[in-house]
Protein backbone atom coordinates (compact mmCIF):
# COMPACT_ATOMS: atom_id res chain seq x y z
CA MET A 1 -0.14 -3.16 11.34
CA LEU A 2 -1.07 -5.61 8.96
CA SER A 3 -2.74 -4.87 5.82
CA HIS A 4 -3.58 -7.59 3.12
CA THR A 5 -2.74 -5.14 0.98
CA PHE A 6 -2.21 -3.55 -0.36
CA ARG A 7 -3.45 -1.87 -0.26
CA HIS A 8 -3.62 -4.34 0.00
CA ALA A 9 -3.54 -2.23 -1.42
CA ALA A 10 -3.89 -0.91 -3.96
CA ALA A 11 -2.91 -0.90 -7.35
CA ALA A 12 -0.74 2.21 -8.04
CA VAL A 13 2.84 2.14 -7.08
CA PHE A 14 4.82 3.96 -9.38
CA VAL A 15 8.28 2.65 -10.16
CA LEU A 16 10.02 4.38 -12.72
CA VAL A 17 11.49 2.72 -15.86
CA SER A 18 12.91 4.26 -18.98
CA ILE A 19 11.83 3.32 -22.51
CA THR A 20 12.33 4.76 -25.84
CA LEU A 21 9.06 5.75 -27.54
CA ARG A 22 8.70 5.19 -31.09
CA ALA A 23 8.65 8.16 -33.48
CA GLN A 24 5.08 7.96 -34.31
CA SER A 25 4.05 8.64 -30.50
CA PRO A 26 5.52 12.26 -29.97
CA GLN A 27 2.94 13.30 -27.64
CA LEU A 28 4.68 12.87 -24.37
CA ALA A 29 7.28 15.69 -24.21
CA LEU A 30 9.89 13.58 -22.18
CA ASN A 31 13.20 12.17 -23.46
CA PRO A 32 13.07 9.40 -22.82
CA ALA A 33 9.46 8.34 -21.90
CA ILE A 34 8.75 6.94 -18.58
CA LEU A 35 6.60 3.98 -17.72
CA PRO A 36 4.95 3.08 -14.25
CA LEU A 37 6.38 -0.52 -13.47
CA ALA A 38 3.45 -2.87 -13.53
CA GLY A 39 3.34 -5.24 -10.51
CA VAL A 40 4.89 -2.59 -7.94
CA HIS A 41 2.03 -0.83 -6.38
CA TYR A 42 2.10 1.93 -3.78
CA ARG A 43 -0.61 3.40 -1.58
CA TYR A 44 -0.51 5.73 1.27
CA TRP A 45 -3.14 5.70 4.05
CA PRO A 46 -3.11 8.29 6.85
CA GLU A 47 -4.80 6.01 9.35
CA GLN A 48 -5.18 2.27 9.93
CA ILE A 49 -7.16 0.18 12.69
CA ALA A 50 -6.70 -3.51 13.22
CA GLN A 51 -7.90 -6.33 15.58
CA TRP A 52 -6.71 -9.71 16.11
CA VAL A 53 -9.95 -11.90 16.04
CA GLY A 54 -10.61 -14.86 18.40
CA PRO A 55 -11.89 -18.30 17.78
CA GLU A 56 -15.65 -17.00 17.89
CA LEU A 57 -15.22 -16.05 14.08
CA PRO A 58 -13.55 -17.40 11.13
CA PHE A 59 -11.14 -14.84 10.88
CA SER A 60 -7.61 -13.97 12.14
CA MET A 61 -7.85 -10.31 11.62
CA ILE A 62 -9.87 -7.28 10.51
CA VAL A 63 -8.06 -4.21 9.00
CA LEU A 64 -9.34 -1.04 8.27
CA ASP A 65 -7.49 1.68 6.08
CA VAL A 66 -8.75 5.34 5.96
CA ASP A 67 -7.99 7.97 3.71
CA ASP A 68 -9.87 11.20 4.73
CA ARG A 69 -7.62 13.72 2.57
CA GLY A 70 -10.25 14.06 -0.01
CA GLU A 71 -13.80 15.49 -0.23
CA LYS A 72 -15.27 12.05 0.42
CA PRO A 73 -13.18 9.68 2.68
CA ILE A 74 -12.20 6.22 1.40
CA TYR A 75 -12.47 3.08 3.39
CA ASP A 76 -10.95 -0.21 2.77
CA ALA A 77 -11.62 -3.00 5.19
CA LYS A 78 -10.25 -6.50 5.14
CA LEU A 79 -11.52 -9.58 6.73
CA ILE A 80 -8.51 -12.00 6.78
CA ASP A 81 -8.91 -15.60 7.21
CA LYS A 82 -7.24 -17.87 9.99
CA SER A 83 -4.48 -18.75 7.69
CA GLY A 84 -3.58 -15.09 7.28
CA ALA A 85 -2.97 -15.74 3.54
CA ASN A 86 -6.52 -14.80 2.15
CA ALA A 87 -8.50 -11.69 2.54
CA VAL A 88 -11.90 -9.99 1.43
CA HIS A 89 -11.81 -6.40 0.98
CA TYR A 90 -14.91 -4.26 1.29
CA THR A 91 -14.58 -0.52 0.06
CA ASN A 92 -16.91 2.42 -0.12
CA SER A 93 -15.19 3.63 -3.27
CA ALA A 94 -15.43 2.83 -7.09
CA GLU A 95 -11.84 4.05 -7.70
CA GLU A 96 -10.51 1.73 -4.68
CA LEU A 97 -12.55 -1.20 -5.91
CA ALA A 98 -10.61 -0.83 -9.23
CA ILE A 99 -7.38 -0.62 -7.52
CA ASP A 100 -7.99 -3.69 -5.35
CA GLN A 101 -9.13 -5.53 -8.46
CA ARG A 102 -6.16 -4.81 -10.34
CA ALA A 103 -4.01 -5.79 -7.48
CA GLY A 104 -5.86 -9.29 -7.57
CA PHE A 105 -7.79 -8.85 -4.41
CA THR A 106 -11.25 -10.13 -3.69
CA VAL A 107 -13.25 -6.98 -3.10
CA HIS A 108 -16.80 -5.64 -2.88
CA GLN A 109 -17.98 -2.09 -2.99
CA VAL A 110 -20.55 -1.76 -0.08
CA ALA A 111 -22.04 1.35 1.84
CA MET A 112 -19.83 2.03 4.87
CA GLN A 113 -20.14 4.26 7.95
CA LEU A 114 -17.02 5.17 10.45
CA ASP A 115 -17.79 7.35 13.22
CA GLY A 116 -14.74 8.53 15.57
CA PRO A 117 -12.83 11.60 16.48
CA ALA A 118 -10.68 13.63 13.88
CA ASP A 119 -7.53 13.26 15.71
CA PRO A 120 -6.55 10.02 17.51
CA GLU A 121 -6.15 10.27 21.28
CA LYS A 122 -5.99 7.71 24.25
CA GLY A 123 -9.59 6.77 25.19
CA ALA A 124 -11.00 7.53 21.52
CA GLN A 125 -13.65 5.20 20.12
CA TYR A 126 -14.30 4.36 16.57
CA MET A 127 -17.32 2.43 15.12
CA LEU A 128 -17.50 1.02 11.72
CA ARG A 129 -20.47 -0.51 10.21
CA PHE A 130 -21.34 -2.09 6.72
CA ASN A 131 -23.05 -5.07 5.44
CA THR A 132 -21.05 -7.81 3.53
CA GLU A 133 -22.06 -8.88 -0.12
CA ALA A 134 -24.29 -11.47 1.25
CA GLY A 135 -26.05 -8.84 3.43
CA VAL A 136 -24.43 -9.85 6.77
CA PRO A 137 -24.00 -6.89 9.14
CA VAL A 138 -20.44 -6.15 10.37
CA VAL A 139 -20.35 -3.78 13.48
CA TRP A 140 -16.70 -3.10 14.76
CA GLN A 141 -15.87 -1.03 17.85
CA PHE A 142 -12.35 -0.03 18.41
CA VAL A 143 -11.13 1.75 21.55
CA LEU A 144 -7.53 3.26 21.52
CA GLY A 145 -6.09 2.24 24.86
CA THR A 146 -2.75 4.28 24.37
CA ASP A 147 -1.15 7.34 23.01
CA VAL A 148 -0.08 7.23 19.24
CA THR A 149 3.66 7.78 19.11
CA GLU A 150 6.76 7.02 17.36
CA GLN A 151 7.44 4.00 19.53
CA GLY A 152 4.76 2.31 17.55
CA SER A 153 6.59 2.67 14.22
CA GLY A 154 7.87 -0.37 12.26
CA LEU A 155 7.55 -2.57 9.52
CA SER A 156 4.73 -5.12 9.07
CA SER A 157 4.91 -7.95 6.26
CA GLU A 158 2.20 -10.77 5.90
CA ASN A 159 1.70 -13.97 4.72
CA ALA A 160 0.04 -12.80 1.64
CA THR A 161 -0.03 -14.38 -1.87
CA ASN A 162 2.29 -11.64 -3.20
CA PRO A 163 5.15 -9.71 -1.32
CA VAL A 164 3.73 -6.73 0.71
CA LEU A 165 5.47 -4.10 2.72
CA MET A 166 3.80 -1.95 4.99
CA TYR A 167 5.65 0.61 7.18
CA ARG A 168 3.83 2.69 9.91
CA GLU A 169 5.09 5.97 11.23
CA GLN A 170 3.21 5.96 14.27
CA GLY A 171 1.16 3.64 16.25
CA GLY A 172 -0.70 2.84 19.57
CA LEU A 173 -2.55 -0.28 21.00
CA ALA A 174 -6.13 -1.18 21.42
CA GLY A 175 -7.83 -0.71 24.85
CA GLN A 176 -10.64 -2.59 26.76
CA GLY A 177 -14.18 -2.52 24.73
CA THR A 178 -12.52 -3.32 21.27
CA ALA A 179 -14.71 -6.04 19.52
CA LEU A 180 -15.98 -7.29 16.39
CA GLN A 181 -19.68 -8.18 15.57
CA VAL A 182 -20.38 -10.48 12.41
CA GLY A 183 -24.06 -11.41 12.08
CA GLY A 184 -25.02 -12.53 15.42
CA VAL A 185 -21.51 -13.65 16.64
CA THR A 186 -19.15 -11.28 18.64
CA SER A 187 -15.29 -11.45 19.19
CA THR A 188 -13.91 -9.30 21.81
CA ALA A 189 -10.36 -8.40 21.84
CA ASP A 190 -8.05 -10.16 24.30
CA VAL A 191 -5.62 -8.80 26.75
CA TRP A 192 -2.04 -8.48 24.86
CA LYS A 193 -0.27 -10.25 27.51
CA GLU A 194 3.21 -9.71 26.04
CA PHE A 195 3.08 -6.03 26.50
CA ALA A 196 0.75 -5.93 29.58
CA GLN A 197 2.00 -4.63 32.77
CA PRO A 198 -0.96 -4.64 35.08
CA PRO A 199 -2.35 -2.72 36.68
CA TYR A 200 -0.46 0.17 35.15
CA PHE A 201 -0.49 -0.72 31.40
CA VAL A 202 -3.01 -3.25 30.01
CA PRO A 203 -3.34 -3.11 26.29
CA TYR A 204 -5.58 -5.38 23.83
CA ARG A 205 -5.09 -7.23 20.81
CA GLY A 206 -5.59 -4.53 18.30
CA ALA A 207 -3.66 -1.51 16.99
CA PHE A 208 -3.97 2.01 15.62
CA SER A 209 -1.32 3.29 13.16
CA THR A 210 -0.85 6.62 11.35
CA GLY A 211 1.18 7.43 8.03
CA ILE A 212 0.95 4.04 6.45
CA GLN A 213 3.42 3.42 3.54
CA VAL A 214 2.29 0.55 1.55
CA LEU A 215 4.36 -1.39 -1.32
CA VAL A 216 2.86 -4.43 -3.02
CA PHE A 217 4.77 -6.56 -5.67
CA ALA A 218 2.46 -8.47 -7.76
CA PRO A 219 2.63 -10.31 -11.09
CA GLY A 220 0.81 -8.89 -13.99
CA SER A 221 0.97 -6.64 -17.03
CA SER A 222 0.03 -2.95 -17.72
CA SER A 223 -0.09 -0.75 -20.90
CA TRP A 224 0.25 2.99 -20.85
CA LYS A 225 -1.05 5.62 -23.51
CA PRO A 226 1.05 8.86 -23.76
CA GLY A 227 -0.53 12.17 -23.77
CA ALA A 228 1.10 15.73 -23.76
CA GLN A 229 2.25 15.46 -20.14
CA SER A 230 0.69 12.34 -18.94
CA LEU A 231 0.21 8.56 -19.23
CA THR A 232 -3.26 6.84 -19.07
CA ASP A 233 -3.92 3.00 -18.54
CA PRO A 234 -6.89 1.33 -20.38
CA SER A 235 -9.03 1.61 -17.19
CA GLY A 236 -8.66 5.41 -17.51
CA SER A 237 -6.30 6.10 -14.44
CA THR A 238 -4.10 8.91 -15.57
CA LEU A 239 -0.49 9.89 -14.22
CA SER A 240 0.57 13.77 -14.70
CA ILE A 241 4.27 13.94 -15.54
CA ALA A 242 6.62 16.71 -14.80
CA LYS A 243 10.32 16.77 -15.64
CA ASP A 244 13.21 19.05 -14.19
CA GLY A 245 16.38 18.08 -15.37
CA ASP A 246 17.22 14.40 -14.38
CA SER A 247 14.37 14.53 -12.09
CA VAL A 248 10.83 13.38 -13.06
CA THR A 249 7.64 13.23 -10.98
CA MET A 250 4.35 11.10 -11.66
CA THR A 251 1.44 12.35 -9.90
CA ASP A 252 -2.02 10.48 -9.29
CA THR A 253 -4.31 12.97 -8.19
CA ALA A 254 -7.02 10.43 -7.65
CA LEU A 255 -4.86 8.61 -5.06
CA GLY A 256 -3.07 11.86 -3.64
CA THR A 257 0.38 10.24 -4.37
CA VAL A 258 3.27 11.19 -6.18
CA ALA A 259 6.32 9.28 -7.54
CA SER A 260 9.83 11.17 -7.93
CA TYR A 261 12.72 9.46 -9.52
CA SER A 262 16.31 10.32 -10.56
CA LEU A 263 17.72 9.46 -13.87
CA GLU A 264 21.16 8.68 -14.99
CA GLY A 265 22.20 9.10 -18.54
CA GLY A 266 18.54 9.35 -19.79
CA THR A 267 17.81 5.70 -19.48
CA THR A 268 18.80 4.40 -16.10
CA VAL A 269 16.89 4.96 -12.74
CA SER A 270 18.96 5.53 -9.72
CA ARG A 271 16.32 6.26 -7.08
CA VAL A 272 12.55 6.25 -6.84
CA SER A 273 10.72 7.95 -3.83
CA PHE A 274 6.88 7.51 -3.21
CA GLY A 275 4.73 9.62 -0.78
CA PRO A 276 1.57 11.61 -0.49
CA VAL A 277 0.83 14.77 -2.39
CA HIS A 278 2.35 17.42 -0.23
CA GLY A 279 3.91 15.18 2.28
CA HIS A 280 7.24 15.70 4.02
CA ARG A 281 10.26 13.57 3.89
CA ASP A 282 9.23 11.23 6.51
CA ASP A 283 6.27 10.43 4.65
CA SER A 284 7.97 8.61 1.92
CA VAL A 285 9.56 5.18 0.80
CA THR A 286 12.21 5.01 -1.69
CA LEU A 287 13.78 2.32 -3.72
CA GLN A 288 17.53 2.81 -4.47
CA PHE A 289 19.22 0.97 -7.09
CA SER A 290 22.82 -0.15 -7.35
CA PRO A 291 23.62 -0.29 -10.29
CA GLY A 292 21.09 1.88 -11.58
CA LEU A 293 17.93 0.18 -12.90
CA ALA A 294 18.61 -0.04 -16.77
CA PRO A 295 16.21 -1.43 -19.53
CA THR A 296 18.21 -4.77 -19.19
CA GLY A 297 20.34 -6.37 -16.77
CA GLN A 298 20.41 -7.12 -13.03
CA SER A 299 20.30 -4.32 -10.19
CA ASN A 300 20.36 -4.58 -6.37
CA PHE A 301 17.61 -2.63 -4.64
CA GLU A 302 16.89 -1.16 -0.90
CA VAL A 303 13.56 -0.08 0.28
CA ILE A 304 14.09 2.99 2.74
CA ALA A 305 11.38 4.18 4.96
CA GLY A 306 11.37 7.90 5.81
CA LYS A 307 15.20 9.25 5.96
CA LYS A 308 17.21 6.18 6.75
CA THR A 309 15.03 3.16 7.80
CA LYS A 310 16.11 0.16 5.67
CA ILE A 311 12.92 -2.25 5.39
CA ALA A 312 13.77 -4.56 2.53
CA SER A 313 16.40 -5.46 -0.07
CA GLY A 314 16.85 -7.81 -2.81
CA THR A 315 17.62 -7.75 -6.78
CA VAL A 316 15.56 -6.91 -9.89
CA GLN A 317 16.23 -8.69 -13.17
CA ALA A 318 15.46 -6.47 -16.19
CA GLY A 319 14.67 -7.53 -19.67
CA ALA A 320 13.14 -6.61 -22.99
CA GLU A 321 9.25 -7.64 -23.60
CA GLY A 322 8.00 -6.37 -27.08
CA PRO A 323 7.62 -2.69 -26.83
CA GLY A 324 8.24 -2.60 -23.32
CA ARG A 325 10.13 -4.48 -20.37
CA ARG A 326 9.77 -7.40 -18.22
CA ASP A 327 11.14 -7.03 -14.58
CA THR A 328 11.39 -9.86 -11.73
CA TRP A 329 11.75 -8.70 -8.23
CA THR A 330 13.27 -11.02 -5.76
CA PHE A 331 13.46 -10.31 -1.94
CA SER A 332 16.52 -11.11 0.27
CA THR A 333 15.04 -9.37 3.27
CA PRO A 334 12.87 -9.05 5.61
CA GLU A 335 13.13 -12.66 6.55
CA ALA A 336 9.36 -13.09 6.01
CA LEU A 337 9.83 -12.40 2.30
CA HIS A 338 13.06 -14.02 1.64
CA GLY A 339 13.05 -15.84 -1.67
CA ARG A 340 9.72 -14.43 -2.76
CA SER A 341 9.55 -12.86 -6.12
CA ALA A 342 7.31 -11.19 -8.68
CA THR A 343 7.49 -10.75 -12.52
CA ALA A 344 5.61 -8.13 -14.39
CA THR A 345 5.52 -6.33 -17.74
CA ALA A 346 4.73 -2.92 -18.88
CA THR A 347 4.24 -1.60 -22.55
CA VAL A 348 3.35 1.33 -24.54
CA ARG A 349 0.19 1.67 -26.55
C-alpha cells in the first residue's frame, strides 16, 4: 500500500548512466564507468503494513516497512499527516536513517519492537511499539483479516513532495481489532465498506503487503569516487560493480539490492532492472528507454513491474553538468504523477 517513501524510501535506486572517467582515475576497471543516477532511489521491502487512521489522531495513515533479510531486522514506520503530503519517519537502523535523510525525509532513529508470526496468514496479529522523538509512546496492533494473495497486487502512488511509485506483489486486508494508540488516544480501524460483503467478508481499513518495490524520484546531487570494482559516495555507501559483456550489475550489500543494466555502444543505456539480491524475475522493477538513455538528449521511459506490468511512463532529458550529468525525469502516467518532475545531478570525485 502507500509508503511515503520511499522508502520513503530510501535513497539508493540505481539507474545507470555512462560517463567517461578522466585518465587520472583508472581505478574502476570499467569502460565506460557507470554512475548511479542521483535522485532516483530504489528500495525493496519484503513486508509492509498500513492502517488508515480516523479523526481521533492528527494522522491519515501509519505505514510500517519491514526488511528481515539480514541478521537484524530493519523497520521504517511513517506517521503521515492528514493532507497525505508530509510524514515523519521512525527507524531502528542507522543505515536506514541515512537513506531517509538523503531522500529529504524527516526521520528519527528510535528503539522499535515488532512482534508477529514469521509468515503472514489470516488471523495473524502484529504488535509494533516505539516512542517518538518527544517520548510519546506509540502502540499499534494490526490483525490480518484475509489471505495474502496476488489479487492484492498493484500500484500505489501518493501525494508526496517527490514522485513515488510503489508496487506490491501480493496483498491482504486488515481485520477487526486493528488499532493505533499514540499517547493516550486510540484510533480503531473502521470497516472498509467499499469491499465489505457482510456477514461473509468484513475487512477493515488497513492492508498487509509483500514484495514491495519502491522507486522515489527526488531532486538532488550525488558524487561518487571510483575504486577497483566499486563506487563510494561521501557518506561511505559502496556499490560493488561487475561487468559481463554489455551487461553491468551494481550491488548494494547493505541494502540487499542489485541494479542490472544493458548498454548499447558503450555509452547508451537501454534497460535497467532493480531487485533484491537473489530475487527472481517477479521481484523486480525495470526502467526501459526508447531511444536508449545517452549522456545528452531526450528519451522516453517506461517502468515495468515484474515481467510485463506497466506502471508508469514519461520522458528523461539528459545534459552535461561539469564532470558529470544532469537529468530531468517528467511523468506522463500514472495520472496521480502526471506532469510531476525531478531533476538531479551526478558527478565523479
